[in-house]
């Protein structure tokens, strides 16, 4: 199933942090959130996954300044 990454980037060089939520597509024809979801006639509520998987939290630390402060 599809999921989101909760990505926090910490920049030690300037003290700023940036938060993004990229979406990861599972590429499954049986996931209603995927771009590869088939549009065949079937009962999606019974066959296809309707919800996202749990979010994944990632923290990245960078030694230099953020792109805005460079």
N, C-alpha and C. Protein backbone atom coordinates (compact mmCIF):
# COMPACT_ATOMS: atom_id res chain seq x y z
N UNK A 1 0.82 -1.18 0.00
CA UNK A 1 0.00 0.00 0.00
C UNK A 1 0.87 1.25 0.00
N UNK A 2 0.32 2.31 -0.46
CA UNK A 2 1.04 3.59 -0.52
C UNK A 2 1.26 4.14 0.89
N UNK A 3 2.24 5.03 1.01
CA UNK A 3 2.49 5.67 2.30
C UNK A 3 3.18 7.01 2.08
N UNK A 4 3.25 7.80 3.14
CA UNK A 4 3.94 9.08 3.12
C UNK A 4 5.18 8.98 4.00
N UNK A 5 6.20 9.71 3.61
CA UNK A 5 7.40 9.85 4.44
C UNK A 5 7.33 11.22 5.09
N UNK A 6 7.44 11.26 6.41
CA UNK A 6 7.50 12.53 7.13
C UNK A 6 8.98 12.86 7.27
N UNK A 7 9.47 13.70 6.37
CA UNK A 7 10.90 13.97 6.27
C UNK A 7 11.23 15.33 6.89
N UNK A 8 12.07 15.32 7.90
CA UNK A 8 12.56 16.55 8.51
C UNK A 8 14.05 16.65 8.21
N UNK A 9 14.45 17.77 7.62
CA UNK A 9 15.86 18.01 7.32
C UNK A 9 16.36 19.10 8.27
N UNK A 10 17.37 18.76 9.05
CA UNK A 10 17.96 19.70 10.00
C UNK A 10 19.30 20.18 9.47
N UNK A 11 19.50 21.49 9.45
CA UNK A 11 20.74 22.08 8.94
C UNK A 11 21.49 22.72 10.10
N UNK A 12 22.60 22.10 10.51
CA UNK A 12 23.39 22.59 11.64
C UNK A 12 24.11 23.89 11.32
N UNK A 13 24.41 24.12 10.05
CA UNK A 13 25.15 25.31 9.65
C UNK A 13 24.40 26.61 9.89
N UNK A 14 23.07 26.56 9.82
CA UNK A 14 22.29 27.79 10.01
C UNK A 14 21.19 27.64 11.05
N UNK A 15 20.92 26.40 11.50
CA UNK A 15 19.91 26.18 12.53
C UNK A 15 18.49 26.03 11.99
N UNK A 16 18.34 26.09 10.69
CA UNK A 16 17.00 25.94 10.11
C UNK A 16 16.62 24.47 9.97
N UNK A 17 15.32 24.23 9.83
CA UNK A 17 14.82 22.89 9.53
C UNK A 17 13.74 23.01 8.47
N UNK A 18 13.63 22.00 7.64
CA UNK A 18 12.63 21.95 6.58
C UNK A 18 11.86 20.65 6.72
N UNK A 19 10.54 20.71 6.52
CA UNK A 19 9.68 19.54 6.66
C UNK A 19 8.98 19.28 5.33
N UNK A 20 9.03 18.03 4.87
CA UNK A 20 8.35 17.64 3.62
C UNK A 20 7.59 16.34 3.87
N UNK A 21 6.60 16.07 3.03
CA UNK A 21 5.83 14.83 3.11
C UNK A 21 5.74 14.18 1.73
N UNK A 22 6.83 13.61 1.22
CA UNK A 22 6.74 12.96 -0.08
C UNK A 22 5.85 11.73 -0.02
N UNK A 23 5.13 11.48 -1.10
CA UNK A 23 4.21 10.35 -1.22
C UNK A 23 4.91 9.22 -1.96
N UNK A 24 4.84 8.00 -1.43
CA UNK A 24 5.47 6.85 -2.05
C UNK A 24 4.37 5.95 -2.61
N UNK A 25 4.37 5.79 -3.93
CA UNK A 25 3.36 4.98 -4.62
C UNK A 25 3.78 3.52 -4.59
N UNK A 26 2.85 2.62 -4.22
CA UNK A 26 3.17 1.20 -4.13
C UNK A 26 3.07 0.50 -5.50
N UNK A 27 2.57 1.20 -6.50
CA UNK A 27 2.44 0.69 -7.87
C UNK A 27 1.57 -0.57 -7.96
N UNK A 28 0.57 -0.66 -7.12
CA UNK A 28 -0.30 -1.83 -7.09
C UNK A 28 -1.62 -1.54 -7.80
N UNK A 29 -2.10 -2.47 -8.63
CA UNK A 29 -3.41 -2.27 -9.26
C UNK A 29 -4.56 -2.42 -8.27
N UNK A 30 -4.29 -2.94 -7.07
CA UNK A 30 -5.33 -3.12 -6.05
C UNK A 30 -5.25 -2.10 -4.92
N UNK A 31 -4.60 -0.99 -5.18
CA UNK A 31 -4.53 0.10 -4.20
C UNK A 31 -5.18 1.31 -4.84
N UNK A 32 -6.27 1.78 -4.25
CA UNK A 32 -7.02 2.88 -4.83
C UNK A 32 -6.22 4.18 -4.87
N UNK A 33 -5.19 4.32 -4.05
CA UNK A 33 -4.36 5.54 -4.02
C UNK A 33 -3.23 5.52 -5.04
N UNK A 34 -2.96 4.37 -5.64
CA UNK A 34 -1.84 4.23 -6.57
C UNK A 34 -2.21 4.74 -7.96
N UNK A 35 -1.20 5.27 -8.67
CA UNK A 35 -1.42 5.67 -10.06
C UNK A 35 -1.67 4.46 -10.95
N UNK A 36 -1.27 3.28 -10.49
CA UNK A 36 -1.45 2.05 -11.26
C UNK A 36 -2.76 1.34 -10.96
N UNK A 37 -3.65 1.98 -10.19
CA UNK A 37 -4.94 1.39 -9.86
C UNK A 37 -5.71 1.12 -11.15
N UNK A 38 -6.18 -0.11 -11.30
CA UNK A 38 -6.94 -0.45 -12.51
C UNK A 38 -8.35 0.09 -12.40
N UNK A 39 -8.88 0.50 -13.51
CA UNK A 39 -10.23 1.06 -13.53
C UNK A 39 -11.23 0.05 -14.08
N UNK A 40 -10.90 -1.23 -13.92
CA UNK A 40 -11.84 -2.26 -14.36
C UNK A 40 -13.08 -2.21 -13.47
N UNK A 41 -14.15 -2.80 -13.96
CA UNK A 41 -15.38 -2.82 -13.17
C UNK A 41 -15.26 -3.87 -12.08
N UNK A 42 -15.08 -3.43 -10.87
CA UNK A 42 -15.03 -4.31 -9.71
C UNK A 42 -15.44 -3.50 -8.50
N UNK A 43 -15.68 -4.16 -7.39
CA UNK A 43 -16.08 -3.45 -6.18
C UNK A 43 -14.84 -3.04 -5.41
N UNK A 44 -14.41 -1.81 -5.62
CA UNK A 44 -13.18 -1.31 -5.00
C UNK A 44 -13.24 -1.39 -3.49
N UNK A 45 -14.38 -1.12 -2.90
CA UNK A 45 -14.46 -1.11 -1.44
C UNK A 45 -14.19 -2.49 -0.85
N UNK A 46 -14.39 -3.54 -1.61
CA UNK A 46 -14.13 -4.89 -1.12
C UNK A 46 -12.76 -5.41 -1.55
N UNK A 47 -12.32 -5.05 -2.75
CA UNK A 47 -11.10 -5.61 -3.33
C UNK A 47 -9.87 -4.77 -3.03
N UNK A 48 -9.99 -3.47 -3.16
CA UNK A 48 -8.82 -2.58 -3.14
C UNK A 48 -8.58 -1.96 -1.77
N UNK A 49 -7.31 -1.74 -1.46
CA UNK A 49 -6.92 -1.08 -0.22
C UNK A 49 -7.35 0.39 -0.30
N UNK A 50 -8.05 0.87 0.71
CA UNK A 50 -8.59 2.23 0.69
C UNK A 50 -7.75 3.22 1.50
N UNK A 51 -6.94 2.72 2.41
CA UNK A 51 -6.20 3.61 3.32
C UNK A 51 -4.71 3.54 3.02
N UNK A 52 -4.01 4.53 3.53
CA UNK A 52 -2.55 4.55 3.41
C UNK A 52 -1.93 3.69 4.51
N UNK A 53 -0.77 3.15 4.25
CA UNK A 53 0.01 2.50 5.30
C UNK A 53 0.47 3.57 6.28
N UNK A 54 0.97 3.17 7.41
CA UNK A 54 1.45 4.12 8.41
C UNK A 54 2.58 4.97 7.84
N UNK A 55 2.57 6.23 8.23
CA UNK A 55 3.64 7.15 7.80
C UNK A 55 4.98 6.67 8.34
N UNK A 56 6.03 6.96 7.58
CA UNK A 56 7.39 6.65 8.02
C UNK A 56 8.10 7.96 8.33
N UNK A 57 8.68 8.05 9.50
CA UNK A 57 9.36 9.26 9.93
C UNK A 57 10.87 9.14 9.67
N UNK A 58 11.43 10.17 9.01
CA UNK A 58 12.85 10.20 8.70
C UNK A 58 13.40 11.57 9.08
N UNK A 59 14.53 11.58 9.77
CA UNK A 59 15.21 12.83 10.11
C UNK A 59 16.59 12.79 9.47
N UNK A 60 16.89 13.79 8.66
CA UNK A 60 18.20 13.90 8.02
C UNK A 60 18.92 15.11 8.59
N UNK A 61 20.15 14.92 9.00
CA UNK A 61 20.94 16.03 9.52
C UNK A 61 22.03 16.39 8.51
N UNK A 62 22.15 17.69 8.26
CA UNK A 62 23.15 18.19 7.32
C UNK A 62 24.09 19.13 8.08
N UNK A 63 25.38 19.07 7.79
CA UNK A 63 26.36 19.88 8.49
C UNK A 63 26.39 21.34 8.06
N UNK A 64 26.05 21.61 6.82
CA UNK A 64 26.14 22.96 6.30
C UNK A 64 24.83 23.72 6.40
N UNK A 65 24.78 24.91 5.81
CA UNK A 65 23.56 25.71 5.84
C UNK A 65 22.51 25.17 4.85
N UNK A 66 21.27 25.55 5.05
CA UNK A 66 20.18 25.13 4.17
C UNK A 66 20.31 25.81 2.81
N UNK A 67 19.59 25.34 1.79
CA UNK A 67 19.68 25.95 0.45
C UNK A 67 19.30 27.43 0.43
N UNK A 68 18.42 27.87 1.32
CA UNK A 68 18.02 29.28 1.35
C UNK A 68 19.15 30.17 1.85
N UNK A 69 19.94 29.68 2.81
CA UNK A 69 21.01 30.47 3.42
C UNK A 69 22.34 30.40 2.67
N UNK A 70 22.46 29.52 1.70
CA UNK A 70 23.74 29.40 0.99
C UNK A 70 24.10 30.64 0.23
